[in-house]
């Protein structure tokens, strides 16, 4: 990790959302209720700090669905460790954003 990331409520919320399968910016905004001016800068910081990585989808997929291409995000190993730290620091976030495993039950 490039530098120690502040484990703010916003950071924790976004990491939880990515872990829950919300993998592009707008889906994170919808689930968390955070505005784009908060989510996208936070995603850039998380990527800079190597807690998440991203990849653009193929333009042909976006064109077929008649929308702009999406940038998909996923947690890195360091991101998973930070997510676990956030679960200890903010235990109530589990109730706000269920994990993928909880959705399958």
Protein backbone atom coordinates (compact mmCIF):
# COMPACT_ATOMS: atom_id res chain seq x y z
CA UNK A 1 0.00 0.00 0.00
CA UNK A 2 1.45 3.34 -1.03
CA UNK A 3 0.50 5.09 2.19
CA UNK A 4 -1.63 4.31 5.20
CA UNK A 5 -5.23 4.89 4.14
CA UNK A 6 -7.51 6.73 6.50
CA UNK A 7 -10.22 4.33 7.53
CA UNK A 8 -13.05 6.82 7.33
CA UNK A 9 -16.69 5.87 7.36
CA UNK A 10 -16.87 6.68 3.63
CA UNK A 11 -13.87 4.47 2.84
CA UNK A 12 -15.35 1.62 4.86
CA UNK A 13 -18.75 2.02 3.22
CA UNK A 14 -17.25 1.89 -0.28
CA UNK A 15 -15.09 -1.15 0.54
CA UNK A 16 -18.17 -2.92 1.92
CA UNK A 17 -20.13 -2.05 -1.22
CA UNK A 18 -17.39 -3.44 -3.49
CA UNK A 19 -17.22 -6.60 -1.40
CA UNK A 20 -21.00 -6.96 -1.72
CA UNK A 21 -20.68 -7.09 -5.50
CA UNK A 22 -21.38 -3.47 -6.39
CA UNK A 23 -18.49 -3.16 -8.75
CA UNK A 24 -18.85 0.11 -10.64
CA UNK A 25 -19.18 3.66 -9.40
CA UNK A 26 -22.86 4.27 -10.05
CA UNK A 27 -23.87 1.03 -8.31
CA UNK A 28 -21.83 2.09 -5.27
CA UNK A 29 -23.60 5.46 -5.32
CA UNK A 30 -27.02 3.80 -5.50
CA UNK A 31 -26.37 1.43 -2.60
CA UNK A 32 -24.60 3.85 -0.28
CA UNK A 33 -26.51 7.02 -1.07
CA UNK A 34 -23.20 8.86 -1.40
CA UNK A 35 -22.95 11.49 -4.16
CA UNK A 36 -20.65 11.13 -7.15
CA UNK A 37 -18.44 13.92 -5.78
CA UNK A 38 -17.68 11.65 -2.83
CA UNK A 39 -17.61 8.21 -4.47
CA UNK A 40 -15.39 8.83 -7.49
CA UNK A 41 -12.61 10.72 -5.66
CA UNK A 42 -12.68 8.02 -2.96
CA UNK A 43 -12.39 5.28 -5.61
CA UNK A 44 -9.38 7.09 -7.11
CA UNK A 45 -7.74 7.33 -3.66
CA UNK A 46 -8.42 3.67 -2.93
CA UNK A 47 -6.89 2.70 -6.27
CA UNK A 48 -3.88 4.98 -5.68
CA UNK A 49 -3.40 3.31 -2.28
CA UNK A 50 -3.64 -0.12 -3.96
CA UNK A 51 -6.70 -1.20 -1.98
CA UNK A 52 -8.71 -1.67 -5.17
CA UNK A 53 -7.89 -2.14 -8.83
CA UNK A 54 -9.99 -1.29 -11.85
CA UNK A 55 -10.56 -2.29 -15.42
CA UNK A 56 -12.70 -0.73 -18.13
CA UNK A 57 -15.24 -3.01 -19.77
CA UNK A 58 -15.01 -3.62 -23.48
CA UNK A 59 -16.60 -0.83 -25.50
CA UNK A 60 -18.57 -3.38 -27.53
CA UNK A 61 -20.44 -4.46 -24.38
CA UNK A 62 -21.37 -0.88 -23.53
CA UNK A 63 -22.36 -0.18 -27.13
CA UNK A 64 -24.60 -3.26 -27.19
CA UNK A 65 -26.39 -1.96 -24.08
CA UNK A 66 -26.42 1.60 -25.48
CA UNK A 67 -24.62 3.19 -22.52
CA UNK A 68 -21.18 4.52 -21.65
CA UNK A 69 -18.48 1.99 -20.77
CA UNK A 70 -18.21 1.15 -17.08
CA UNK A 71 -15.07 1.02 -15.01
CA UNK A 72 -15.22 -2.07 -12.80
CA UNK A 73 -13.49 -2.19 -9.43
CA UNK A 74 -12.40 -5.06 -7.22
CA UNK A 75 -10.66 -5.37 -3.88
CA UNK A 76 -6.97 -6.23 -3.75
CA UNK A 77 -5.38 -8.33 -1.01
CA UNK A 78 -4.53 -5.12 0.87
CA UNK A 79 -8.10 -3.95 0.29
CA UNK A 80 -9.49 -7.12 1.86
CA UNK A 81 -7.26 -6.59 4.91
CA UNK A 82 -8.51 -3.01 5.19
CA UNK A 83 -12.08 -4.24 4.79
CA UNK A 84 -11.56 -6.60 7.73
CA UNK A 85 -10.18 -3.71 9.79
CA UNK A 86 -13.23 -1.66 8.85
CA UNK A 87 -15.53 -4.46 10.01
CA UNK A 88 -13.93 -4.26 13.44
CA UNK A 89 -14.05 -0.46 13.51
CA UNK A 90 -17.56 -0.04 12.02
CA UNK A 91 -19.49 -3.24 12.90
CA UNK A 92 -22.88 -1.75 12.01
CA UNK A 93 -21.94 -1.42 8.34
CA UNK A 94 -22.68 -5.13 7.92
CA UNK A 95 -26.34 -4.30 8.44
CA UNK A 96 -26.32 -1.54 5.83
CA UNK A 97 -24.68 -3.49 3.02
CA UNK A 98 -25.04 -7.28 3.14
CA UNK A 99 -22.12 -9.33 1.88
CA UNK A 100 -22.35 -11.55 -1.18
CA UNK A 101 -22.54 -14.62 1.09
CA UNK A 102 -25.49 -13.14 3.03
CA UNK A 103 -27.34 -12.45 -0.23
CA UNK A 104 -27.02 -16.11 -1.27
CA UNK A 105 -28.71 -17.42 1.90
